[in-house]
Amino acid sequence: MLFLLVKRVVYCSNCGSKIDDESHFCPKCGTKTPKGKAAKASYPADEIRDAFYQVGIELEKAFTIAAKETHSAFKKVSRDLQGNPSATTAQGSVACPKCRTKNPAGSIFCNNCGSRIVTDKESRGST
């Protein structure tokens, strides 16, 4: 018994190119064939669109978490500053001997003119 396997050749409904009967898309123009429609084959663009949609969902989740954490950090800093408002100025400030600009305590150089600031320890001779 001899069996012959015959493939049908069909033509694209859009561009008229010959395509294999088993094809889901026309290799010339990308039009979905009747076989592709029956199989509910998706276009590559559909997959990309779905991937971007999923990325958007994940980004939204990440930004929501980041926003909550940032808000929480701001609230904590605000509470800390309200509890100890002089925390940033507890050590006071030191004036530059050249331009008299107030600099944060512990400064070695003036933040205005760049001159070296003599500290109390240096002025007393202890190093």
Protein backbone atom coordinates (compact mmCIF):
# COMPACT_ATOMS: atom_id res chain seq x y z
CA MET A 1 0.00 0.00 0.00
CA LEU A 2 1.47 3.30 -1.05
CA PHE A 3 0.51 6.57 0.61
CA LEU A 4 1.13 9.87 -0.99
CA LEU A 5 1.43 12.92 1.15
CA VAL A 6 0.36 15.92 -0.80
CA LYS A 7 0.81 19.40 0.54
CA ARG A 8 -1.56 21.99 -0.70
CA VAL A 9 -0.22 25.29 -1.76
CA VAL A 10 -2.37 28.26 -0.98
CA TYR A 11 -2.03 31.92 -1.74
CA CYS A 12 -1.96 34.83 0.65
CA SER A 13 -5.20 36.77 0.68
CA ASN A 14 -3.24 40.03 1.10
CA CYS A 15 -0.23 39.86 -1.25
CA GLY A 16 -0.92 36.76 -3.35
CA SER A 17 2.33 34.98 -2.51
CA LYS A 18 2.44 31.19 -2.43
CA ILE A 19 2.41 29.88 1.12
CA ASP A 20 2.38 26.45 2.67
CA ASP A 21 -1.05 25.26 3.80
CA GLU A 22 0.35 24.68 7.32
CA SER A 23 1.65 28.25 7.71
CA HIS A 24 0.06 30.53 10.26
CA PHE A 25 1.45 33.70 8.66
CA CYS A 26 2.47 34.74 5.17
CA PRO A 27 6.28 34.86 5.04
CA LYS A 28 6.18 37.84 2.65
CA CYS A 29 3.70 40.26 4.24
CA GLY A 30 2.94 38.74 7.67
CA THR A 31 -0.81 38.40 7.15
CA LYS A 32 -2.42 35.72 9.30
CA THR A 33 -3.60 32.74 7.23
CA PRO A 34 -6.91 30.92 7.78
CA LYS A 35 -4.89 28.21 9.56
CA GLY A 36 -3.34 30.86 11.80
CA LYS A 37 -6.75 32.36 12.55
CA ALA A 38 -8.13 28.92 13.44
CA ALA A 39 -5.14 28.28 15.75
CA LYS A 40 -5.54 31.77 17.25
CA ALA A 41 -1.88 32.45 16.53
CA SER A 42 -0.72 35.75 17.92
CA TYR A 43 1.39 38.29 16.10
CA PRO A 44 4.84 38.99 17.54
CA ALA A 45 3.62 42.54 18.19
CA ASP A 46 0.87 41.11 20.40
CA GLU A 47 3.48 39.34 22.50
CA ILE A 48 5.56 42.50 22.77
CA ARG A 49 2.49 44.53 23.74
CA ASP A 50 1.63 41.97 26.44
CA ALA A 51 5.22 42.03 27.71
CA PHE A 52 5.17 45.83 27.95
CA TYR A 53 1.87 45.66 29.78
CA GLN A 54 3.37 43.25 32.33
CA VAL A 55 6.45 45.46 32.70
CA GLY A 56 4.13 48.40 33.35
CA ILE A 57 2.36 46.48 36.11
CA GLU A 58 5.68 45.52 37.72
CA LEU A 59 6.98 49.10 37.50
CA GLU A 60 3.80 50.41 39.09
CA LYS A 61 4.26 47.97 41.98
CA ALA A 62 7.92 48.95 42.39
CA PHE A 63 7.15 52.69 42.34
CA THR A 64 4.34 52.22 44.84
CA ILE A 65 6.71 50.43 47.22
CA ALA A 66 9.41 53.06 46.68
CA ALA A 67 6.93 55.87 47.32
CA LYS A 68 5.77 54.27 50.57
CA GLU A 69 9.35 53.74 51.74
CA THR A 70 10.34 57.29 50.82
CA HIS A 71 7.31 58.70 52.61
CA SER A 72 8.13 56.61 55.67
CA ALA A 73 11.75 57.83 55.64
CA PHE A 74 10.63 61.47 55.41
CA LYS A 75 8.23 60.97 58.32
CA LYS A 76 11.00 59.41 60.42
CA VAL A 77 13.43 62.24 59.68
CA SER A 78 10.71 64.78 60.43
CA ARG A 79 9.95 63.11 63.79
CA ASP A 80 13.66 62.94 64.62
CA LEU A 81 14.13 66.62 63.86
CA GLN A 82 11.03 67.61 65.84
CA GLY A 83 12.26 65.61 68.82
CA ASN A 84 15.71 67.21 68.71
CA PRO A 85 15.57 70.39 66.61
CA SER A 86 19.11 71.37 67.47
CA ALA A 87 20.53 68.06 66.28
CA THR A 88 22.06 69.66 63.23
CA THR A 89 23.42 72.68 65.12
CA ALA A 90 24.24 71.05 68.46
CA GLN A 91 27.93 71.69 67.98
CA GLY A 92 27.33 75.28 66.89
CA SER A 93 29.30 76.94 64.14
CA VAL A 94 32.72 78.41 63.63
CA ALA A 95 33.48 81.71 61.91
CA CYS A 96 36.10 81.97 59.21
CA PRO A 97 38.96 84.23 60.36
CA LYS A 98 39.28 85.72 56.87
CA CYS A 99 35.70 86.38 55.66
CA ARG A 100 33.74 85.83 58.92
CA THR A 101 31.30 83.38 57.25
CA LYS A 102 29.72 80.94 59.68
CA ASN A 103 30.69 77.34 58.91
CA PRO A 104 29.44 74.11 60.50
CA ALA A 105 31.32 73.03 63.60
CA GLY A 106 34.26 70.81 62.78
CA SER A 107 34.94 72.54 59.46
CA ILE A 108 38.58 72.67 58.49
CA PHE A 109 38.12 74.98 55.51
CA CYS A 110 35.66 77.84 54.96
CA ASN A 111 32.76 76.92 52.69
CA ASN A 112 32.75 80.50 51.31
CA CYS A 113 36.38 81.48 50.68
CA GLY A 114 38.25 78.19 51.18
CA SER A 115 40.60 79.54 53.83
CA ARG A 116 41.80 77.20 56.57
CA ILE A 117 39.82 77.61 59.78
CA VAL A 118 41.89 77.50 62.95
CA THR A 119 40.18 75.26 65.49
CA ASP A 120 40.24 75.72 69.27
CA LYS A 121 42.68 72.82 69.60
CA GLU A 122 45.11 74.37 67.10
CA SER A 123 44.90 77.80 68.70
CA ARG A 124 45.75 76.30 72.12
CA GLY A 125 48.71 74.47 70.63
CA SER A 126 47.43 70.92 71.12
CA THR A 127 47.37 68.65 68.10
